[in-house]
Each structure stands twice: as C-alpha cells, then as structure tokens.
N, C-alpha and C. Protein backbone atom coordinates (compact mmCIF):
# COMPACT_ATOMS: atom_id res chain seq x y z
N UNK A 1 50.02 163.37 124.59
CA UNK A 1 51.62 163.28 124.76
C UNK A 1 52.27 164.21 123.93
N UNK A 2 53.48 164.52 124.28
CA UNK A 2 54.30 165.53 123.53
C UNK A 2 54.99 164.73 122.52
N UNK A 3 55.46 165.41 121.57
CA UNK A 3 56.15 164.84 120.52
C UNK A 3 57.70 164.45 120.95
N UNK A 4 58.13 165.28 121.90
CA UNK A 4 59.55 164.86 122.56
C UNK A 4 59.37 163.51 123.35
N UNK A 5 58.28 163.54 124.09
CA UNK A 5 58.12 162.37 125.07
C UNK A 5 58.06 161.03 123.92
N UNK A 6 57.39 161.25 122.84
CA UNK A 6 57.09 160.07 121.95
C UNK A 6 58.37 159.49 121.31
N UNK A 7 59.23 160.66 120.81
CA UNK A 7 60.65 160.48 120.17
C UNK A 7 61.62 159.85 121.30
N UNK A 8 61.58 160.18 122.58
CA UNK A 8 62.30 159.91 123.54
C UNK A 8 61.89 158.16 123.93
N UNK A 9 60.76 157.90 123.89
CA UNK A 9 60.13 156.61 124.18
C UNK A 9 60.62 155.70 123.12
N UNK A 10 60.55 156.07 121.72
CA UNK A 10 61.06 155.28 120.54
C UNK A 10 62.40 155.20 120.53
N UNK A 11 63.16 156.13 120.97
CA UNK A 11 64.71 156.04 121.06
C UNK A 11 65.05 155.00 122.12
N UNK A 12 64.53 155.14 123.30
CA UNK A 12 64.93 154.20 124.32
C UNK A 12 64.41 152.79 124.00
N UNK A 13 63.29 152.60 123.28
CA UNK A 13 62.90 151.28 122.67
C UNK A 13 63.77 150.70 121.78
N UNK A 14 64.37 151.60 120.73
CA UNK A 14 65.42 151.19 119.93
C UNK A 14 66.81 150.69 120.59
N UNK A 15 67.04 151.38 121.36
CA UNK A 15 68.32 151.40 122.31
C UNK A 15 68.21 149.82 123.01
N UNK A 16 66.96 149.65 123.48
CA UNK A 16 66.73 148.56 124.45
C UNK A 16 66.70 147.26 123.36
N UNK A 17 66.13 147.48 122.31
CA UNK A 17 66.25 146.28 121.20
C UNK A 17 67.46 146.02 120.80
N UNK A 18 68.46 147.02 120.52
CA UNK A 18 69.77 147.03 120.03
C UNK A 18 70.67 146.27 121.05
N UNK A 19 70.31 146.64 122.39
CA UNK A 19 71.02 146.08 123.30
C UNK A 19 70.90 144.77 123.70
N UNK A 20 69.51 144.20 123.54
CA UNK A 20 69.11 142.94 123.68
C UNK A 20 69.65 142.13 122.49
N UNK A 21 69.69 142.68 121.36
CA UNK A 21 70.29 142.03 120.14
C UNK A 21 71.76 141.58 120.40
N UNK A 22 72.57 142.49 120.73
CA UNK A 22 73.90 142.36 120.96
C UNK A 22 74.28 141.33 122.12
N UNK A 23 73.26 141.47 123.19
CA UNK A 23 73.49 140.61 124.30
C UNK A 23 73.28 139.24 123.78
N UNK A 24 72.21 138.74 123.03
CA UNK A 24 71.86 137.49 122.51
C UNK A 24 73.02 137.07 121.37
N UNK A 25 73.54 138.00 120.68
CA UNK A 25 74.70 137.71 119.59
C UNK A 25 75.77 137.30 120.20
N UNK A 26 76.23 137.94 121.34
CA UNK A 26 77.37 137.64 121.92
C UNK A 26 77.20 136.27 122.79
N UNK A 27 76.04 135.96 123.26
CA UNK A 27 75.67 134.60 123.91
C UNK A 27 75.89 133.54 122.82
N UNK A 28 75.11 133.77 121.66
CA UNK A 28 75.22 132.81 120.57
C UNK A 28 76.70 132.55 120.10
N UNK A 29 77.39 133.62 119.85
CA UNK A 29 78.89 133.38 119.49
C UNK A 29 79.69 132.80 120.60
N UNK A 30 79.26 132.89 121.90
CA UNK A 30 80.19 132.12 122.80
C UNK A 30 79.70 130.61 122.83
N UNK A 31 78.40 130.51 122.62
CA UNK A 31 77.98 129.10 122.64
C UNK A 31 78.50 128.19 121.47
N UNK A 32 78.64 128.93 120.28
CA UNK A 32 79.33 128.30 119.01
C UNK A 32 80.94 128.14 119.33
N UNK A 33 81.58 129.07 119.92
CA UNK A 33 82.86 128.90 120.24
C UNK A 33 82.98 127.71 121.26
N UNK A 34 82.15 127.53 122.22
CA UNK A 34 82.29 126.42 123.24
C UNK A 34 82.06 125.21 122.58
N UNK A 35 80.98 125.09 121.75
CA UNK A 35 80.66 123.86 120.87
C UNK A 35 81.88 123.54 120.17
N UNK A 36 82.52 124.30 119.31
CA UNK A 36 83.82 124.05 118.58
C UNK A 36 84.77 123.52 119.47
N UNK A 37 85.09 124.06 120.76
CA UNK A 37 86.23 123.53 121.51
C UNK A 37 85.66 122.15 122.09
N UNK A 38 84.50 121.94 122.35
CA UNK A 38 84.05 120.56 123.04
C UNK A 38 84.23 119.64 121.72
N UNK A 39 83.91 119.82 120.58
CA UNK A 39 84.24 118.97 119.45
C UNK A 39 85.66 118.75 119.21
N UNK A 40 86.49 119.74 119.21
CA UNK A 40 87.80 119.50 119.10
C UNK A 40 88.46 118.53 120.31
N UNK A 41 87.96 118.67 121.43
CA UNK A 41 88.48 117.87 122.68
C UNK A 41 87.95 116.56 122.46
N UNK A 42 86.80 116.35 121.96
CA UNK A 42 86.25 115.00 121.56
C UNK A 42 86.97 114.34 120.67
N UNK A 43 87.36 115.06 119.58
CA UNK A 43 88.17 114.41 118.42
C UNK A 43 89.55 114.13 118.82
N UNK A 44 90.01 114.71 119.67
CA UNK A 44 91.41 114.66 120.20
C UNK A 44 91.40 113.31 121.16
N UNK A 45 90.30 113.45 121.99
CA UNK A 45 90.12 112.28 122.86
C UNK A 45 90.02 110.91 121.95
N UNK A 46 89.14 110.89 121.19
CA UNK A 46 88.83 109.74 120.28
C UNK A 46 90.16 109.38 119.67
N UNK A 47 91.01 110.21 119.00
CA UNK A 47 92.26 109.81 118.38
C UNK A 47 93.15 109.34 119.42
N UNK A 48 93.43 109.75 120.49
CA UNK A 48 94.36 109.33 121.55
C UNK A 48 93.77 107.97 121.94
N UNK A 49 92.50 107.69 122.14
CA UNK A 49 92.05 106.27 122.54
C UNK A 49 92.34 105.31 121.33
N UNK A 50 92.07 105.66 120.13
CA UNK A 50 92.32 104.76 119.10
C UNK A 50 93.70 104.56 118.94
N UNK A 51 94.59 105.32 118.95
CA UNK A 51 95.93 105.17 118.97
C UNK A 51 96.58 104.24 119.98
N UNK A 52 96.11 104.41 121.25
CA UNK A 52 96.36 103.60 122.36
C UNK A 52 95.91 102.37 122.09
N UNK A 53 94.66 102.01 121.63
CA UNK A 53 94.15 100.83 121.33
C UNK A 53 94.83 99.95 120.31
N UNK A 54 95.15 100.83 119.10
CA UNK A 54 96.08 100.24 118.07
C UNK A 54 97.42 99.73 118.49
N UNK A 55 97.95 100.54 119.32
CA UNK A 55 99.38 100.16 119.67
C UNK A 55 99.37 98.83 120.74
N UNK A 56 98.12 98.59 121.17
CA UNK A 56 98.05 97.18 122.09
C UNK A 56 97.71 96.15 121.15
N UNK A 57 97.07 96.29 120.17
CA UNK A 57 96.65 95.24 119.18
C UNK A 57 97.70 95.00 118.25
N UNK A 58 98.61 96.06 117.95
CA UNK A 58 99.66 95.74 116.96
C UNK A 58 100.92 96.03 117.35
N UNK A 59 101.83 95.11 117.83
CA UNK A 59 103.11 95.24 118.22
C UNK A 59 104.04 96.07 117.47
N UNK A 60 104.89 96.81 117.83
CA UNK A 60 105.81 97.53 117.02
C UNK A 60 106.64 96.80 116.05
N UNK A 61 106.72 96.97 114.83
CA UNK A 61 107.59 96.36 113.86
C UNK A 61 109.03 96.49 113.86
N UNK A 62 109.43 97.60 114.66
CA UNK A 62 110.89 97.69 114.82
C UNK A 62 111.42 97.61 116.37
N UNK A 63 112.38 98.24 116.61
CA UNK A 63 112.87 98.19 118.09
C UNK A 63 112.37 99.31 118.88
N UNK A 64 112.29 99.11 120.06
CA UNK A 64 112.02 100.24 121.13
C UNK A 64 113.10 100.54 121.85
N UNK A 65 113.75 101.92 121.72
CA UNK A 65 114.90 102.29 122.40
C UNK A 65 114.74 103.27 123.26
N UNK A 66 115.22 103.25 124.53
CA UNK A 66 115.07 104.06 125.57
C UNK A 66 116.00 105.27 125.33
N UNK A 67 115.48 106.53 125.41
CA UNK A 67 116.15 107.80 124.97
C UNK A 67 116.10 108.65 126.21
N UNK A 68 116.13 108.20 127.59
CA UNK A 68 116.18 109.09 128.66
C UNK A 68 114.87 109.05 129.27
N UNK A 69 114.22 107.87 129.55
CA UNK A 69 113.00 107.82 130.42
C UNK A 69 111.79 107.56 129.64
N UNK A 70 111.89 107.49 128.36
CA UNK A 70 110.82 107.06 127.40
C UNK A 70 111.49 106.32 126.30
N UNK A 71 110.64 105.58 125.56
CA UNK A 71 111.32 104.92 124.34
C UNK A 71 110.63 105.35 123.24
N UNK A 72 111.52 105.26 122.15
CA UNK A 72 111.16 105.68 120.70
C UNK A 72 111.40 104.41 119.87
N UNK A 73 110.37 104.32 118.97
CA UNK A 73 110.25 103.21 117.89
C UNK A 73 111.07 103.76 116.95
N UNK A 74 112.11 102.69 116.44
CA UNK A 74 113.00 102.71 115.20
C UNK A 74 112.68 101.38 114.32
N UNK A 75 112.39 101.80 113.10
CA UNK A 75 112.19 100.83 112.22
C UNK A 75 113.04 100.60 111.03
N UNK A 76 114.00 99.60 110.95
CA UNK A 76 115.04 99.64 109.89
C UNK A 76 114.81 98.36 108.99
N UNK A 77 114.93 98.68 107.64
CA UNK A 77 114.85 97.67 106.75
C UNK A 77 116.08 97.62 105.87
N UNK A 78 116.54 96.25 105.53
CA UNK A 78 117.61 96.26 104.74
C UNK A 78 118.74 96.06 105.66
N UNK A 79 120.01 95.70 104.90
CA UNK A 79 121.14 95.23 105.78
C UNK A 79 122.45 95.85 105.31
N UNK A 80 122.61 96.41 104.21
CA UNK A 80 123.94 96.86 103.71
C UNK A 80 123.82 98.18 103.09
N UNK A 81 124.97 98.74 102.88
CA UNK A 81 125.00 100.18 102.37
C UNK A 81 124.85 101.17 103.49
N UNK A 82 124.90 102.42 102.93
CA UNK A 82 124.89 103.63 103.91
C UNK A 82 123.45 103.47 104.62
N UNK A 83 123.40 103.95 105.87
CA UNK A 83 122.05 103.96 106.66
C UNK A 83 121.51 105.38 106.11
N UNK A 84 120.04 105.26 105.53
CA UNK A 84 119.43 106.46 105.47
C UNK A 84 118.41 106.52 106.57
N UNK A 85 118.33 107.86 107.18
CA UNK A 85 117.53 107.97 108.26
C UNK A 85 116.34 108.80 107.71
N UNK A 86 115.16 108.48 108.00
CA UNK A 86 113.91 109.23 107.22
C UNK A 86 113.05 109.86 108.41
N UNK A 87 112.89 111.03 108.28
CA UNK A 87 111.87 111.62 109.26
C UNK A 87 110.63 112.13 108.38
N UNK A 88 109.45 112.01 109.04
CA UNK A 88 108.20 112.15 108.21
C UNK A 88 107.57 113.52 108.45
N UNK A 89 106.53 113.72 107.91
CA UNK A 89 105.78 115.00 107.99
C UNK A 89 105.26 115.13 109.58
N UNK A 90 104.96 116.36 109.67
CA UNK A 90 104.29 116.49 111.14
C UNK A 90 103.04 115.87 111.41
N UNK A 91 103.14 115.20 112.50
CA UNK A 91 102.07 114.28 112.74
C UNK A 91 101.80 112.87 112.15
N UNK A 92 102.96 112.67 111.37
CA UNK A 92 102.85 111.23 110.82
C UNK A 92 104.14 110.42 111.68
N UNK A 93 104.05 109.15 111.40
CA UNK A 93 105.03 108.20 112.06
C UNK A 93 105.89 107.40 111.07
N UNK A 94 106.41 106.44 111.55
CA UNK A 94 107.41 105.66 110.76
C UNK A 94 106.88 104.86 109.48
N UNK A 95 105.45 104.48 109.71
CA UNK A 95 104.68 103.83 108.70
C UNK A 95 104.59 104.70 107.54
N UNK A 96 104.60 105.85 107.50
CA UNK A 96 104.56 106.56 106.29
C UNK A 96 105.61 106.53 105.28
N UNK A 97 106.74 105.98 105.69
CA UNK A 97 107.94 105.51 104.84
C UNK A 97 107.81 104.20 104.49
N UNK A 98 106.97 103.39 104.83
CA UNK A 98 106.95 101.85 104.67
C UNK A 98 107.08 101.42 103.09
N UNK A 99 106.57 102.04 102.24
CA UNK A 99 106.75 101.70 100.91
C UNK A 99 108.13 101.92 100.27
N UNK A 100 108.60 103.14 100.63
CA UNK A 100 110.08 103.34 100.15
C UNK A 100 110.96 102.53 100.91
N UNK A 101 110.74 102.20 102.20
CA UNK A 101 111.75 101.20 102.88
C UNK A 101 111.67 99.82 102.30
N UNK A 102 110.61 99.36 101.79
CA UNK A 102 110.33 97.99 101.36
C UNK A 102 111.11 98.18 99.98
N UNK A 103 110.97 99.03 99.14
CA UNK A 103 111.55 99.10 97.89
C UNK A 103 113.08 99.46 97.86
N UNK A 104 113.57 100.06 98.76
CA UNK A 104 115.08 100.22 99.04
C UNK A 104 115.79 99.31 99.81
N UNK A 105 115.19 98.37 100.48
CA UNK A 105 115.75 97.47 101.30
C UNK A 105 116.74 96.50 100.67
N UNK A 106 116.64 96.38 99.25
CA UNK A 106 117.58 95.51 98.55
C UNK A 106 118.65 96.08 98.31
N UNK A 107 119.01 97.26 98.44
CA UNK A 107 120.43 97.86 98.10
C UNK A 107 120.91 98.81 99.17
N UNK A 108 120.12 99.04 100.11
CA UNK A 108 120.66 99.87 101.33
C UNK A 108 119.81 99.82 102.47
N UNK A 109 120.27 100.24 103.54
CA UNK A 109 119.43 100.10 105.02
C UNK A 109 118.72 101.55 105.18
N UNK A 110 117.67 101.48 105.29
CA UNK A 110 116.80 102.68 105.50
C UNK A 110 116.06 102.47 106.97
N UNK A 111 116.08 103.36 107.66
CA UNK A 111 115.36 103.54 109.01
C UNK A 111 114.57 104.79 109.17
N UNK A 112 113.22 104.47 109.64
CA UNK A 112 112.57 105.53 109.96
C UNK A 112 112.02 105.36 111.44
N UNK A 113 111.50 106.42 112.09
CA UNK A 113 111.33 106.46 113.49
C UNK A 113 109.99 107.07 113.92
N UNK A 114 109.39 106.82 115.07
CA UNK A 114 108.30 107.58 115.63
C UNK A 114 108.64 108.57 116.59
N UNK A 115 108.29 109.82 116.25
CA UNK A 115 108.63 110.91 117.30
C UNK A 115 107.74 110.51 118.65
N UNK A 116 108.39 111.01 119.87
CA UNK A 116 107.66 110.73 120.98
C UNK A 116 106.20 111.23 120.84
N UNK A 117 105.36 110.41 121.29
CA UNK A 117 103.95 110.66 121.24
C UNK A 117 103.21 110.29 119.96
N UNK A 118 103.87 109.72 118.92
CA UNK A 118 103.38 109.23 117.88
C UNK A 118 103.72 107.77 117.66
N UNK A 119 102.91 107.08 116.71
CA UNK A 119 103.13 105.70 116.45
C UNK A 119 103.25 104.91 117.69
N UNK A 120 104.29 104.08 117.68
CA UNK A 120 104.51 103.25 118.93
C UNK A 120 105.41 103.92 119.92
N UNK A 121 105.83 105.02 119.68
CA UNK A 121 106.79 105.78 120.68
C UNK A 121 106.02 106.19 121.94
N UNK A 122 106.55 106.05 123.17
CA UNK A 122 106.10 106.68 124.33
C UNK A 122 105.90 108.22 124.10
N UNK A 123 104.93 108.88 124.84
CA UNK A 123 105.05 110.34 125.01
C UNK A 123 106.19 110.86 125.62
N UNK A 124 106.77 111.86 124.81
CA UNK A 124 107.91 112.42 125.53
C UNK A 124 107.52 113.29 126.61
N UNK A 125 108.66 113.78 127.43
CA UNK A 125 108.23 114.67 128.54
C UNK A 125 108.53 116.20 128.44
N UNK A 126 108.94 116.46 127.30
CA UNK A 126 109.18 118.01 126.89
C UNK A 126 108.23 118.36 125.72
N UNK A 127 108.27 119.82 125.59
CA UNK A 127 107.67 120.47 124.50
C UNK A 127 108.14 119.89 123.18
N UNK A 128 107.42 119.64 122.26
CA UNK A 128 107.77 119.31 120.84
C UNK A 128 108.35 120.31 119.84
N UNK A 129 109.61 120.58 119.76
CA UNK A 129 110.22 121.42 118.89
C UNK A 129 111.24 120.60 118.12
N UNK A 130 111.64 121.27 116.96
CA UNK A 130 112.62 120.70 116.20
C UNK A 130 113.92 120.52 116.95
N UNK A 131 114.27 121.57 117.82
CA UNK A 131 115.43 121.26 118.72
C UNK A 131 115.36 119.92 119.43
N UNK A 132 114.15 119.65 120.23
CA UNK A 132 113.87 118.71 121.05
C UNK A 132 113.96 117.44 120.18
N UNK A 133 113.38 117.36 118.88
CA UNK A 133 113.29 116.35 118.03
C UNK A 133 114.75 115.77 117.62
N UNK A 134 115.46 116.80 117.29
CA UNK A 134 116.79 116.56 116.74
C UNK A 134 117.80 115.97 117.81
N UNK A 135 117.51 116.24 119.12
CA UNK A 135 118.24 115.86 120.33
C UNK A 135 117.88 114.29 120.32
N UNK A 136 116.64 114.08 120.56
CA UNK A 136 116.00 112.80 120.75
C UNK A 136 116.53 111.94 119.54
N UNK A 137 116.55 112.33 118.41
CA UNK A 137 116.84 111.53 117.20
C UNK A 137 118.28 111.17 117.37
N UNK A 138 119.12 112.12 117.72
CA UNK A 138 120.66 111.84 117.91
C UNK A 138 120.81 110.81 119.03
N UNK A 139 120.12 110.89 120.02
CA UNK A 139 120.23 109.95 121.11
C UNK A 139 119.77 108.51 120.74
N UNK A 140 118.51 108.47 119.90
CA UNK A 140 118.07 107.34 119.33
C UNK A 140 119.13 106.60 118.51
N UNK A 141 119.64 107.23 117.67
CA UNK A 141 120.63 106.69 116.77
C UNK A 141 121.95 106.21 117.48
N UNK A 142 122.46 107.09 118.44
CA UNK A 142 123.58 106.62 119.14
C UNK A 142 123.39 105.36 119.89
N UNK A 143 121.84 105.20 120.43
CA UNK A 143 121.70 103.98 121.27
C UNK A 143 121.48 102.78 120.25
N UNK A 144 121.10 103.07 119.10
CA UNK A 144 120.77 101.88 118.19
C UNK A 144 122.04 101.10 117.70
N UNK A 145 123.23 101.74 117.80
CA UNK A 145 124.40 101.13 117.13
C UNK A 145 124.44 101.01 115.66
N UNK A 146 123.58 101.80 115.04
CA UNK A 146 123.74 101.96 113.61
C UNK A 146 125.09 102.66 113.20
N UNK A 147 125.66 102.16 112.13
CA UNK A 147 126.99 102.83 111.74
C UNK A 147 126.73 104.21 111.09
N UNK A 148 127.64 105.05 111.42
CA UNK A 148 127.73 106.49 110.61
C UNK A 148 128.61 106.36 109.64
N UNK A 149 128.48 107.28 108.72
CA UNK A 149 127.68 108.43 108.67
C UNK A 149 126.31 107.97 108.22
N UNK A 150 125.33 108.89 108.66
CA UNK A 150 123.99 108.59 107.99
C UNK A 150 123.63 109.62 106.85
N UNK A 151 122.84 109.12 106.22
CA UNK A 151 122.21 110.05 105.02
C UNK A 151 120.84 110.24 105.51
N UNK A 152 120.37 111.60 105.56
CA UNK A 152 119.33 111.99 106.15
C UNK A 152 118.25 112.33 104.92
N UNK A 153 116.92 112.02 105.08
CA UNK A 153 115.94 112.36 104.35
C UNK A 153 114.68 112.75 105.15
N UNK A 154 114.11 113.85 104.60
CA UNK A 154 112.95 114.38 105.43
C UNK A 154 112.00 114.87 104.53
N UNK A 155 110.54 114.60 104.94
CA UNK A 155 109.48 115.14 104.29
C UNK A 155 108.81 116.28 104.94
N UNK A 156 108.72 117.36 104.31
CA UNK A 156 107.99 118.60 105.01
C UNK A 156 108.58 118.99 106.19
N UNK A 157 107.99 118.87 107.33
CA UNK A 157 108.50 119.18 108.65
C UNK A 157 109.84 118.50 109.13
N UNK A 158 109.76 117.30 108.58
CA UNK A 158 110.77 116.30 108.61
C UNK A 158 112.07 116.80 108.02
N UNK A 159 111.90 117.54 106.98
CA UNK A 159 113.04 118.10 106.29
C UNK A 159 113.77 119.19 107.08
N UNK A 160 112.91 120.00 107.82
CA UNK A 160 113.57 121.02 108.61
C UNK A 160 114.40 120.28 109.74
N UNK A 161 113.82 119.26 110.27
CA UNK A 161 114.50 118.52 111.16
C UNK A 161 115.94 117.95 110.84
N UNK A 162 115.91 117.28 109.66
CA UNK A 162 116.99 116.73 109.27
C UNK A 162 118.24 117.74 108.89
N UNK A 163 117.62 118.98 108.28
CA UNK A 163 118.61 119.97 108.04
C UNK A 163 119.32 120.52 109.45
N UNK A 164 118.42 120.49 110.54
CA UNK A 164 119.16 120.89 111.86
C UNK A 164 119.83 119.96 112.30
N UNK A 165 119.55 118.58 112.16
CA UNK A 165 120.33 117.43 112.61
C UNK A 165 121.76 117.54 112.04
N UNK A 166 121.94 117.82 110.55
CA UNK A 166 123.15 117.90 109.93
C UNK A 166 123.92 119.07 110.37
N UNK A 167 123.25 120.14 110.77
CA UNK A 167 123.96 121.46 111.22
C UNK A 167 124.47 121.11 112.68
N UNK A 168 123.76 120.51 113.52
CA UNK A 168 124.25 120.19 114.95
C UNK A 168 125.35 119.06 114.91
N UNK A 169 125.11 118.13 114.08
CA UNK A 169 125.89 116.84 114.23
C UNK A 169 126.63 116.60 112.96
N UNK A 170 127.47 117.52 112.30
CA UNK A 170 127.94 117.29 111.00
C UNK A 170 128.83 116.11 110.91
N UNK A 171 129.53 115.57 111.90
CA UNK A 171 130.37 114.39 111.82
C UNK A 171 129.57 113.19 111.65
N UNK A 172 128.20 113.30 112.11
CA UNK A 172 127.39 111.95 112.07
C UNK A 172 126.63 111.83 110.79
N UNK A 173 126.77 112.71 109.73
CA UNK A 173 126.14 112.79 108.50
C UNK A 173 127.02 112.63 107.33
N UNK A 174 126.62 112.10 106.10
CA UNK A 174 127.33 111.95 104.87
C UNK A 174 126.27 112.34 103.87
N UNK A 175 126.91 112.55 102.75
CA UNK A 175 126.14 112.88 101.59
C UNK A 175 126.79 113.78 100.62
N UNK A 176 126.20 114.48 99.75
CA UNK A 176 126.70 115.43 98.90
C UNK A 176 126.88 116.80 99.59
N UNK A 177 126.25 117.07 100.56
CA UNK A 177 126.26 118.58 101.22
C UNK A 177 127.00 118.33 102.58
N UNK A 178 127.72 117.19 102.92
CA UNK A 178 128.39 116.98 104.22
C UNK A 178 129.84 117.69 104.03
N UNK A 179 130.35 118.03 105.17
CA UNK A 179 131.77 118.55 105.07
C UNK A 179 132.70 117.64 105.94
C-alpha cells in the first residue's frame, strides 16, 4: 500500500468519526431540550390542576366581580378611611397581602385582587400586559362601588401597574403624588 492511500484512509476515518460524533451530539442535545420541555409542561400542568383543585376546595374570601365576560376576585378588609388598592408581584395573588390587610383593617380599608388566571379569578381572554391589567383593574374598581380616590400600592411588577393606573386614571387616585 502506498503512503498516500494510508493517509487518505486515516483522514476519511477521522472525518467519519468526527461526523458520527457531531451527529450523536446533536441528537443528545435535542433529547435534552425535549426532556426539559416535557418537564416544564408537566410542571405547568400540575400547577394548573392544583390551582383548580384548591379553588374548588376553598371558596373565595372576597367578592367575585364580572369585568366583561369573566370574573375577578376582590378582597377588601376594613371599613373606613381611604381605600388602598394593592397589586402584588408577578405570579402572586391577593393572599400575598393578607398580613398587611389584617394589620391595617383597624384604621383604613385595603383591597387586593387576583389578576385573571390567578387565585380565584377566572382566566382572562386577552394577553397579560400591564395595559390589560390596568384596564381590568379600573373596570373591577368601577363595578365594586368602592369610593374614590384610591391610594395605590404595588410590589415589584404590581408597582409598575399602579404607576400606569395613576397615569391613565389620575382623577381616580389620591395621595402625595396625585394632581
């Protein structure tokens, strides 16, 4: 055998090994991605089933108010003073404010709510954006009969929502920064 033929055979065997290695690497990566997607879907499904089950076992502690084809949960504590409207973190519901609501009920009225698709609220029919959330909150408050002006409090993502609410509906809000 000639030296050129031997080198050619070695080179083609290296190329073949490299080709097989990348082929199996791509397959392995695709399998890992698919497994992660399946696990994420399983987790989301489990969460949805648990939430549905819990809302059946535990009735809403507040009122359910129709906001145009679906209902939102509004939980108010206290009877007098300015009404403080509280919006929670992304992914959290009205119960996240329960300790604060219990502590402030003696001197003012505080209300928290579940955004559509969270807590006791029905799923909403539109994409979840701050603009949509603020529109739904405005409708919820208008139908609730709560007296204006509202004092707004928000945590994290809820803070962005209450700022947008104050910009869109300045006559509905009061407090140190209202006009």
